Amino acid sequence: MKTENAWKKYTDKKEVFDFCGAYKDFMSCCKTERECVSEMIKMAEKAGYRNLEEITSQGITLKPGDKVYANNMGKTLAMYIVGEEPMEKGMRILGAHVDSPRLDLKQNPLYEDTELALLDTHYYGGVKKYQWVTLPMALHGVVVKKDGEAVPVVIGEKEDDPVVGISDLLIHLSGKQMQKNAAEVVEGENLDVLVGSIPLESEEEKEPVKAQILKLLENKYGIQEEDFLSAELEVVPAGPAKDYGLDRSMIMAYGHDDRVCAYPSFMAMLAQDKVKYTSVCLLVDKEEIGSVGATGMQSRFFENTTAEVMNAAGQYSELLLRRALKNSMMLSSDVSAAFDPNYPDVMEKKNAAYLGHGITFNKYTGSRGKSGSNDANPEYIARLRRVMEENHVAYQTAELGKVDQGGGGTIAYILANYNMEVIDCGVAVLNMHSPWEIASKVDIYEAYRGYCAFLRDM
């Protein structure tokens, strides 16, 4: 039952490196869910996808082969290729999320303390807080003014940009700190970002350093302090994705979880033309905090959008929508934990995912007796095995660590609520949820090939 290293398939590795070169570029410029959705819409429109809202407003009838997309609040994207078969016979769905663990600015973030200006944050998703200090960080996001103008903000990514960061206690004075457990070494309220130290030249200002930062923001972006109230600003690691390893076989990037699955899913959709069953790529927000809210998988966005597509194709009724959802098959494209030889005790080697061994299927996730998981049916897995093998896709199966070690969840169980067939299927990564995660280039490329095979042949 051993799997082989997928690199052995490629005497000429150019196709792998070319695909992953484009992925690196994407990861370097798309560090928030808004940036991902915006860039993907541009790419989709170039590939012939049309805005579903415009289609419905113009009363255009969709036919097999038509390609449409729907944008939900700039943070969720659904793409459809209308299939030759009626939609009630089911769709082939690739679902991933484009949000990643990070630090969010609070709504009233800017303050001055001992002539230093800082930004107060609230961490988003599951993080080891001590990993986020003493690193160069960037600010990404949007500030929306009262008049509705949205001002995009990116500071820390250009070569001549300043970076910001979070300080840590020097080793010489950290005796008490070093006695704390890892969860308390750095506490959430101490993840404040240092952004300035030059005072504004004014004797009237009680907080001159803070005033200087506000002046800089007003000059560059035209924003006032109260505009933070309607801002969505994220603190993320600064710098581009990089080749990792002396052989350049891996990629180090912020946000592999889950853009390392979202990007191949998206590219697999772009590679399709005519499909038998309607193909869908669903890229959602808020997975890292429970898939809640209007842009999370638990919202009605996907269901409502599917109803709109069916209606535009002349196939809608409430019953046909229910049949379409029930008869669908889905790959919940999410990452798995790669075996780490530095920490072998948390993995069971026979059921672990390995870097370089291809796309990973997780029959179940969850924790403590599979709690909270979608447990895929063996009949569905058998069909997937056949399709992967017929298309010579390197794949492996895994679970998320040893029993009782911990666990995790994905959006799989939410789609399974529609009674469709669902399984988790993605790329194994090292350093999951850290500022810089590691993934194998050949696994990324095999994920793309596996997603193409799923859309085309399932």
Protein backbone atom coordinates (compact mmCIF):
# COMPACT_ATOMS: atom_id res chain seq x y z
CA MET A 1 0.00 0.00 0.00
CA LYS A 2 3.02 2.32 -0.25
CA THR A 3 2.71 5.32 -2.55
CA GLU A 4 5.50 6.40 -4.87
CA ASN A 5 7.21 9.75 -5.09
CA ALA A 6 5.36 11.59 -7.86
CA TRP A 7 8.54 13.29 -9.09
CA LYS A 8 9.54 9.94 -10.61
CA LYS A 9 6.79 10.41 -13.22
CA TYR A 10 8.50 13.44 -14.71
CA THR A 11 11.73 13.12 -16.64
CA ASP A 12 11.04 16.62 -17.95
CA LYS A 13 9.84 18.69 -15.00
CA LYS A 14 9.15 21.84 -17.02
CA GLU A 15 5.36 21.51 -16.95
CA VAL A 16 5.41 21.20 -13.15
CA PHE A 17 7.73 24.17 -12.68
CA ASP A 18 5.84 26.33 -15.18
CA PHE A 19 2.49 25.73 -13.48
CA CYS A 20 3.97 26.41 -10.05
CA GLY A 21 5.74 29.54 -11.29
CA ALA A 22 2.36 31.05 -12.13
CA TYR A 23 1.05 29.86 -8.76
CA LYS A 24 3.92 31.63 -6.97
CA ASP A 25 3.08 34.86 -8.77
CA PHE A 26 -0.54 34.51 -7.72
CA MET A 27 0.39 33.85 -4.09
CA SER A 28 2.74 36.82 -3.99
CA CYS A 29 0.06 39.32 -5.00
CA CYS A 30 -3.09 37.71 -3.52
CA LYS A 31 -2.82 37.62 0.26
CA THR A 32 -6.43 38.33 1.22
CA GLU A 33 -9.72 36.78 0.14
CA ARG A 34 -10.66 40.04 -1.60
CA GLU A 35 -7.43 40.08 -3.60
CA CYS A 36 -7.89 36.42 -4.58
CA VAL A 37 -11.46 36.93 -5.80
CA SER A 38 -10.59 40.13 -7.66
CA GLU A 39 -7.65 38.54 -9.50
CA MET A 40 -9.59 35.37 -10.31
CA ILE A 41 -12.49 37.34 -11.77
CA LYS A 42 -10.07 39.13 -14.09
CA MET A 43 -8.61 35.80 -15.20
CA ALA A 44 -12.06 34.21 -15.56
CA GLU A 45 -13.36 37.04 -17.74
CA LYS A 46 -10.33 36.71 -20.02
CA ALA A 47 -11.20 33.01 -20.32
CA GLY A 48 -14.77 33.78 -21.45
CA TYR A 49 -16.72 33.74 -18.18
CA ARG A 50 -19.58 36.24 -17.91
CA ASN A 51 -21.09 37.86 -14.85
CA LEU A 52 -24.24 35.93 -13.88
CA GLU A 53 -25.88 39.11 -12.58
CA GLU A 54 -25.60 40.69 -16.03
CA ILE A 55 -26.87 37.50 -17.68
CA THR A 56 -30.00 37.41 -15.52
CA SER A 57 -30.68 41.15 -15.82
CA GLN A 58 -30.58 40.89 -19.62
CA GLY A 59 -32.76 37.78 -19.72
CA ILE A 60 -30.14 35.75 -21.59
CA THR A 61 -30.77 32.00 -21.75
CA LEU A 62 -27.81 29.82 -20.82
CA LYS A 63 -26.99 26.80 -22.98
CA PRO A 64 -24.48 23.93 -22.64
CA GLY A 65 -20.92 25.22 -22.72
CA ASP A 66 -21.78 28.68 -21.38
CA LYS A 67 -19.53 29.93 -18.59
CA VAL A 68 -20.68 32.27 -15.83
CA TYR A 69 -19.48 33.49 -12.46
CA ALA A 70 -21.05 35.09 -9.39
CA ASN A 71 -19.25 37.40 -6.98
CA ASN A 72 -20.47 37.48 -3.38
CA MET A 73 -19.41 40.69 -1.59
CA GLY A 74 -15.96 40.53 -3.14
CA LYS A 75 -14.95 37.57 -0.94
CA THR A 76 -16.66 34.51 -2.43
CA LEU A 77 -16.60 33.35 -6.05
CA ALA A 78 -18.76 30.72 -7.78
CA MET A 79 -17.99 29.64 -11.36
CA TYR A 80 -20.21 27.44 -13.55
CA ILE A 81 -19.83 25.72 -16.90
CA VAL A 82 -23.29 24.58 -18.03
CA GLY A 83 -23.18 20.88 -18.87
CA GLU A 84 -24.80 18.88 -21.63
CA GLU A 85 -26.88 16.92 -19.12
CA PRO A 86 -29.74 18.64 -17.27
CA MET A 87 -28.56 20.12 -13.98
CA GLU A 88 -31.00 17.98 -12.04
CA LYS A 89 -28.67 15.04 -12.79
CA GLY A 90 -26.06 16.69 -10.58
CA MET A 91 -22.99 18.90 -10.76
CA ARG A 92 -19.26 18.24 -10.37
CA ILE A 93 -18.12 20.69 -7.70
CA LEU A 94 -14.65 21.78 -6.61
CA GLY A 95 -14.94 23.70 -3.33
CA ALA A 96 -12.09 25.48 -1.53
CA HIS A 97 -11.64 28.50 0.70
CA VAL A 98 -9.57 31.62 0.08
CA ASP A 99 -9.31 32.99 3.63
CA SER A 100 -6.21 32.22 5.70
CA PRO A 101 -5.10 32.70 9.32
CA ARG A 102 -3.89 36.25 9.92
CA LEU A 103 -4.18 39.27 12.20
CA ASP A 104 -7.07 41.69 11.67
CA LEU A 105 -6.96 45.31 12.80
CA LYS A 106 -9.55 46.18 15.41
CA GLN A 107 -12.06 48.87 14.51
CA ASN A 108 -10.33 51.44 16.72
CA PRO A 109 -6.74 50.24 16.24
CA LEU A 110 -4.34 53.18 16.25
CA TYR A 111 -2.83 54.39 19.52
CA GLU A 112 0.36 55.89 20.95
CA ASP A 113 2.35 54.58 23.90
CA THR A 114 5.70 55.98 25.08
CA GLU A 115 6.11 57.87 21.81
CA LEU A 116 5.55 54.80 19.65
CA ALA A 117 2.54 54.34 17.35
CA LEU A 118 0.92 50.92 17.29
CA LEU A 119 -2.06 49.13 15.75
CA ASP A 120 -4.24 46.90 17.91
CA THR A 121 -5.14 43.52 16.34
CA HIS A 122 -7.38 40.49 16.78
CA TYR A 123 -6.07 37.21 15.40
CA TYR A 124 -8.21 35.37 12.84
CA GLY A 125 -8.30 31.57 12.75
CA GLY A 126 -6.19 29.05 14.63
CA VAL A 127 -2.63 30.31 15.09
CA LYS A 128 0.37 29.71 17.30
CA LYS A 129 0.63 33.32 18.43
CA TYR A 130 4.36 33.17 19.16
CA GLN A 131 5.06 32.45 15.47
CA TRP A 132 3.81 35.90 14.41
CA VAL A 133 6.33 38.11 16.22
CA THR A 134 9.65 39.59 14.96
CA LEU A 135 8.68 39.04 11.31
CA PRO A 136 8.38 41.63 8.53
CA MET A 137 4.66 42.18 8.07
CA ALA A 138 2.52 43.97 5.49
CA LEU A 139 -0.89 45.64 5.63
CA HIS A 140 -3.49 44.56 3.04
CA GLY A 141 -7.14 45.43 2.79
CA VAL A 142 -9.73 48.07 2.04
CA VAL A 143 -10.97 51.22 3.75
CA VAL A 144 -14.51 52.30 2.87
CA LYS A 145 -15.35 55.96 3.45
CA LYS A 146 -18.77 57.27 4.46
CA ASP A 147 -19.48 58.32 0.87
CA GLY A 148 -19.00 54.70 -0.25
CA GLU A 149 -15.56 55.13 -1.83
CA ALA A 150 -13.47 51.98 -1.29
CA VAL A 151 -9.75 52.64 -0.91
CA PRO A 152 -7.48 49.62 -1.42
CA VAL A 153 -4.46 49.48 0.87
CA VAL A 154 -1.25 47.49 0.36
CA ILE A 155 1.81 48.53 2.38
CA GLY A 156 4.94 46.40 2.68
CA GLU A 157 5.11 44.45 -0.58
CA LYS A 158 7.06 46.70 -2.97
CA GLU A 159 10.85 46.71 -2.85
CA ASP A 160 10.94 50.27 -1.47
CA ASP A 161 7.92 49.89 0.85
CA PRO A 162 8.35 50.01 4.62
CA VAL A 163 7.30 46.94 6.57
CA VAL A 164 5.75 46.73 10.03
CA GLY A 165 5.91 44.07 12.71
CA ILE A 166 5.32 42.86 16.25
CA SER A 167 8.09 43.07 18.85
CA ASP A 168 9.07 40.28 21.23
CA LEU A 169 10.71 40.28 24.62
CA LEU A 170 14.51 40.07 24.53
CA ILE A 171 16.01 36.81 25.78
CA HIS A 172 17.90 38.68 28.53
CA LEU A 173 14.65 39.68 30.27
CA SER A 174 12.42 36.75 29.36
CA GLY A 175 12.90 34.49 32.36
CA LYS A 176 9.20 34.61 33.37
CA GLN A 177 8.02 34.45 29.76
CA MET A 178 10.04 31.29 29.06
CA GLN A 179 8.32 29.52 31.95
CA LYS A 180 4.87 29.93 30.36
CA ASN A 181 3.29 27.26 28.20
CA ALA A 182 3.39 27.85 24.45
CA ALA A 183 -0.21 29.11 24.27
CA GLU A 184 0.63 31.95 26.68
CA VAL A 185 4.19 32.90 25.68
CA VAL A 186 2.67 35.60 23.49
CA GLU A 187 -0.90 36.56 24.35
CA GLY A 188 -3.47 37.79 21.85
CA GLU A 189 -3.72 41.30 23.29
CA ASN A 190 0.05 41.68 22.89
CA LEU A 191 -0.01 41.17 19.12
CA ASP A 192 0.11 44.91 18.49
CA VAL A 193 1.89 46.12 15.37
CA LEU A 194 4.57 48.79 15.63
CA VAL A 195 4.08 51.36 12.83
CA GLY A 196 5.97 54.55 13.71
CA SER A 197 8.07 56.67 16.06
CA ILE A 198 8.51 60.15 14.50
CA PRO A 199 6.40 62.88 16.19
CA LEU A 200 4.45 65.40 14.17
CA GLU A 201 5.99 68.86 14.46
CA SER A 202 3.20 70.45 16.46
CA GLU A 203 3.04 71.53 20.07
CA GLU A 204 -0.74 71.16 20.10
CA GLU A 205 -0.81 67.39 19.58
CA LYS A 206 -1.03 65.30 22.74
CA GLU A 207 -0.11 62.18 20.72
CA PRO A 208 2.25 63.53 18.07
CA VAL A 209 3.53 60.16 16.80
CA LYS A 210 0.00 58.91 16.24
CA ALA A 211 -0.81 62.23 14.55
CA GLN A 212 2.15 61.80 12.22
CA ILE A 213 0.90 58.35 11.14
CA LEU A 214 -2.58 59.74 10.53
CA LYS A 215 -1.09 62.53 8.43
CA LEU A 216 0.82 59.97 6.32
CA LEU A 217 -2.35 57.93 5.80
CA GLU A 218 -4.33 61.02 4.84
CA ASN A 219 -1.68 62.17 2.36
CA LYS A 220 -1.35 58.78 0.67
CA TYR A 221 -4.87 57.35 0.90
CA GLY A 222 -7.11 60.27 1.81
CA ILE A 223 -8.42 58.49 4.89
CA GLN A 224 -9.20 59.83 8.38
CA GLU A 225 -8.97 58.04 11.73
CA GLU A 226 -12.73 57.47 11.84
CA ASP A 227 -12.49 55.60 8.53
CA PHE A 228 -10.94 52.69 10.43
CA LEU A 229 -14.50 52.01 11.64
CA SER A 230 -15.46 50.83 8.14
CA ALA A 231 -12.16 49.23 7.19
CA GLU A 232 -11.11 45.64 6.65
CA LEU A 233 -7.34 45.63 7.10
CA GLU A 234 -5.26 42.49 7.55
CA VAL A 235 -1.72 42.05 8.83
CA VAL A 236 0.06 39.34 6.83
CA PRO A 237 3.68 38.27 6.26
CA ALA A 238 5.48 40.64 3.89
CA GLY A 239 7.29 39.38 0.81
CA PRO A 240 6.78 37.08 -2.16
CA ALA A 241 6.36 33.33 -2.32
CA LYS A 242 9.74 31.68 -2.79
CA ASP A 243 11.21 28.45 -4.12
CA TYR A 244 12.09 26.27 -1.12
CA GLY A 245 14.83 23.66 -0.98
CA LEU A 246 18.16 23.57 -2.78
CA ASP A 247 16.46 21.64 -5.59
CA ARG A 248 13.59 24.17 -5.78
CA SER A 249 11.12 21.31 -5.31
CA MET A 250 8.89 23.16 -2.85
CA ILE A 251 7.26 26.55 -2.40
CA MET A 252 7.27 28.67 0.75
CA ALA A 253 4.32 31.03 0.86
CA TYR A 254 1.82 32.69 3.14
CA GLY A 255 -1.68 31.25 2.73
CA HIS A 256 -1.12 27.81 1.16
CA ASP A 257 -4.06 26.88 3.40
CA ASP A 258 -6.17 26.94 1.34
CA ARG A 259 -5.08 28.78 -1.78
CA VAL A 260 -2.84 25.85 -2.69
CA CYS A 261 -6.12 24.02 -3.42
CA ALA A 262 -8.17 27.04 -4.55
CA TYR A 263 -5.73 27.95 -7.33
CA PRO A 264 -5.53 24.45 -8.92
CA SER A 265 -9.33 24.18 -8.62
CA PHE A 266 -9.74 27.50 -10.40
CA MET A 267 -7.19 26.59 -13.08
CA ALA A 268 -8.89 23.22 -13.61
CA MET A 269 -12.12 25.10 -14.39
CA LEU A 270 -10.32 27.33 -16.88
CA ALA A 271 -8.97 24.21 -18.60
CA GLN A 272 -12.49 22.86 -19.29
CA ASP A 273 -14.61 23.67 -22.32
CA LYS A 274 -17.60 21.42 -23.00
CA VAL A 275 -18.55 19.24 -20.03
CA LYS A 276 -21.11 16.46 -19.63
CA TYR A 277 -22.25 17.53 -16.16
CA THR A 278 -22.34 21.14 -15.05
CA SER A 279 -18.96 21.98 -13.52
CA VAL A 280 -18.64 24.30 -10.54
CA CYS A 281 -15.73 25.94 -8.76
CA LEU A 282 -16.81 27.38 -5.41
CA LEU A 283 -14.27 29.52 -3.53
CA VAL A 284 -15.53 30.69 -0.15
CA ASP A 285 -14.54 32.84 2.81
CA LYS A 286 -14.61 32.35 6.61
CA GLU A 287 -13.64 28.64 6.67
CA GLU A 288 -10.94 29.34 9.25
CA ILE A 289 -13.55 30.60 11.73
CA GLY A 290 -16.30 28.05 11.11
CA SER A 291 -17.62 28.93 7.63
CA VAL A 292 -20.08 31.39 9.18
CA GLY A 293 -21.45 34.69 7.90
CA ALA A 294 -22.75 35.85 4.54
CA THR A 295 -19.53 34.91 2.71
CA GLY A 296 -18.98 31.57 4.47
CA MET A 297 -20.06 28.17 3.22
CA GLN A 298 -22.96 28.08 5.69
CA SER A 299 -24.66 30.98 3.89
CA ARG A 300 -27.27 30.38 1.17
CA PHE A 301 -25.06 31.95 -1.53
CA PHE A 302 -24.22 28.71 -3.33
CA GLU A 303 -27.77 27.38 -3.22
CA ASN A 304 -29.24 30.70 -4.41
CA THR A 305 -26.67 31.08 -7.18
CA THR A 306 -27.30 27.55 -8.42
CA ALA A 307 -31.01 28.37 -8.54
CA GLU A 308 -30.20 31.45 -10.66
CA VAL A 309 -28.07 29.40 -13.06
CA MET A 310 -30.80 26.77 -13.40
CA ASN A 311 -33.39 29.47 -14.00
CA ALA A 312 -31.23 31.13 -16.68
CA ALA A 313 -30.84 27.72 -18.31
CA GLY A 314 -34.62 27.17 -18.28
CA GLN A 315 -34.31 24.30 -15.80
CA TYR A 316 -35.44 25.76 -12.48
CA SER A 317 -38.00 24.53 -10.04
CA GLU A 318 -37.60 24.03 -6.32
CA LEU A 319 -37.73 20.26 -6.80
CA LEU A 320 -35.19 20.28 -9.65
CA LEU A 321 -32.84 22.41 -7.53
CA ARG A 322 -33.06 19.86 -4.70
CA ARG A 323 -32.34 17.06 -7.17
CA ALA A 324 -29.39 18.95 -8.64
CA LEU A 325 -27.82 19.35 -5.21
CA LYS A 326 -28.53 15.78 -4.10
CA ASN A 327 -27.17 14.21 -7.30
CA SER A 328 -23.93 16.24 -7.25
CA MET A 329 -20.44 15.07 -6.45
CA MET A 330 -17.92 17.30 -4.70
CA LEU A 331 -14.25 17.46 -3.86
CA SER A 332 -13.76 19.59 -0.77
CA SER A 333 -10.41 20.94 -1.89
CA ASP A 334 -8.59 21.57 1.36
CA VAL A 335 -5.10 20.95 2.66
CA SER A 336 -3.89 18.00 4.68
CA ALA A 337 -1.01 17.75 7.13
CA ALA A 338 2.22 16.46 5.61
CA PHE A 339 4.39 14.04 7.57
CA ASP A 340 7.20 15.96 9.26
CA PRO A 341 10.30 13.91 10.21
CA ASN A 342 11.03 16.50 12.92
CA TYR A 343 7.74 15.61 14.63
CA PRO A 344 7.01 11.95 13.83
CA ASP A 345 5.17 11.21 17.08
CA VAL A 346 1.93 12.92 16.06
CA MET A 347 1.54 10.93 12.83
CA GLU A 348 0.74 7.30 12.11
CA LYS A 349 3.03 6.54 9.18
CA LYS A 350 0.73 4.13 7.34
CA ASN A 351 -2.01 6.76 7.23
CA ALA A 352 -0.06 9.98 6.77
CA ALA A 353 0.33 12.24 3.74
CA TYR A 354 3.85 12.74 2.37
CA LEU A 355 5.28 15.69 0.48
CA GLY A 356 5.79 14.78 -3.17
CA HIS A 357 3.41 11.80 -3.23
CA GLY A 358 0.57 13.54 -5.06
CA ILE A 359 -2.90 14.75 -4.22
CA THR A 360 -4.28 13.65 -0.83
CA PHE A 361 -7.72 12.18 -0.12
CA ASN A 362 -8.98 12.41 3.46
CA LYS A 363 -11.94 10.06 3.89
CA TYR A 364 -12.72 11.88 7.11
CA THR A 365 -11.37 14.75 9.21
CA GLY A 366 -12.84 15.78 12.55
CA SER A 367 -11.44 14.94 15.98
CA ARG A 368 -12.09 12.56 18.87
CA GLY A 369 -13.91 9.70 17.19
CA LYS A 370 -14.42 11.58 13.89
CA SER A 371 -16.52 14.22 15.62
CA GLY A 372 -17.55 16.98 13.21
CA SER A 373 -16.37 15.18 10.07
CA ASN A 374 -17.82 14.22 6.74
CA ASP A 375 -17.04 10.51 6.36
CA ALA A 376 -17.04 9.75 2.63
CA ASN A 377 -18.78 6.68 1.24
CA PRO A 378 -16.60 3.82 -0.08
CA GLU A 379 -18.63 3.61 -3.31
CA TYR A 380 -17.69 7.22 -4.06
CA ILE A 381 -14.04 6.64 -3.18
CA ALA A 382 -13.93 3.63 -5.51
CA ARG A 383 -15.12 5.78 -8.42
CA LEU A 384 -12.51 8.41 -7.61
CA ARG A 385 -9.76 5.79 -7.47
CA ARG A 386 -10.71 4.58 -10.92
CA VAL A 387 -10.74 8.08 -12.41
CA MET A 388 -7.42 9.04 -10.82
CA GLU A 389 -5.71 5.86 -11.98
CA GLU A 390 -7.12 6.02 -15.50
CA ASN A 391 -5.70 9.55 -15.76
CA HIS A 392 -2.37 8.58 -14.16
CA VAL A 393 -2.82 11.05 -11.31
CA ALA A 394 -0.54 10.42 -8.33
CA TYR A 395 -2.68 10.25 -5.20
CA GLN A 396 -2.47 9.16 -1.58
CA THR A 397 -4.85 8.78 1.36
CA ALA A 398 -4.34 10.13 4.85
CA GLU A 399 -5.89 11.18 8.11
CA LEU A 400 -5.04 14.31 10.08
CA GLY A 401 -2.60 12.87 12.63
CA LYS A 402 -2.90 10.09 15.16
CA VAL A 403 -6.17 9.35 16.89
CA ASP A 404 -6.56 11.63 19.96
CA GLN A 405 -3.78 13.98 18.80
CA GLY A 406 -6.14 16.71 17.62
CA GLY A 407 -7.90 17.16 14.31
CA GLY A 408 -9.58 19.73 12.12
CA GLY A 409 -12.47 20.41 9.79
CA THR A 410 -13.31 21.68 6.31
CA ILE A 411 -16.40 22.74 4.35
CA ALA A 412 -17.09 19.10 3.37
CA TYR A 413 -19.76 18.41 5.99
CA ILE A 414 -21.73 21.51 4.97
CA LEU A 415 -22.09 20.41 1.34
CA ALA A 416 -22.84 16.88 2.53
CA ASN A 417 -25.95 18.32 4.20
CA TYR A 418 -27.44 18.45 0.68
CA ASN A 419 -27.08 14.65 0.58
CA MET A 420 -24.42 14.81 -2.16
CA GLU A 421 -21.24 12.73 -2.29
CA VAL A 422 -18.32 14.67 -0.76
CA ILE A 423 -14.72 13.93 0.16
CA ASP A 424 -11.79 16.08 1.23
CA CYS A 425 -9.12 16.17 -1.44
CA GLY A 426 -6.15 18.54 -1.50
CA VAL A 427 -2.46 19.21 -1.04
CA ALA A 428 -0.38 18.22 1.98
CA VAL A 429 1.54 21.08 3.61
CA LEU A 430 4.14 21.59 6.31
CA ASN A 431 3.92 24.42 8.88
CA MET A 432 0.14 24.63 8.50
CA HIS A 433 -1.35 27.89 9.87
CA SER A 434 2.09 29.43 10.35
CA PRO A 435 3.12 32.67 8.61
CA TRP A 436 5.12 30.67 6.03
CA GLU A 437 3.79 27.29 4.92
CA ILE A 438 5.55 24.74 2.70
CA ALA A 439 4.07 22.72 -0.19
CA SER A 440 5.55 20.44 -2.84
CA LYS A 441 5.40 21.67 -6.43
CA VAL A 442 4.60 18.21 -7.79
CA ASP A 443 1.69 17.85 -5.33
CA ILE A 444 0.28 21.19 -6.52
CA TYR A 445 0.50 20.08 -10.13
CA GLU A 446 -1.00 16.65 -9.41
CA ALA A 447 -3.87 18.42 -7.62
CA TYR A 448 -4.53 20.42 -10.78
CA ARG A 449 -4.44 17.26 -12.90
CA GLY A 450 -6.69 15.43 -10.45
CA TYR A 451 -9.24 18.24 -10.40
CA CYS A 452 -9.28 18.29 -14.21
CA ALA A 453 -9.91 14.55 -14.26
CA PHE A 454 -12.72 14.90 -11.74
CA LEU A 455 -14.54 17.58 -13.73
CA ARG A 456 -14.06 15.74 -17.01
CA ASP A 457 -14.58 12.07 -16.16
CA MET A 458 -16.66 11.63 -12.99
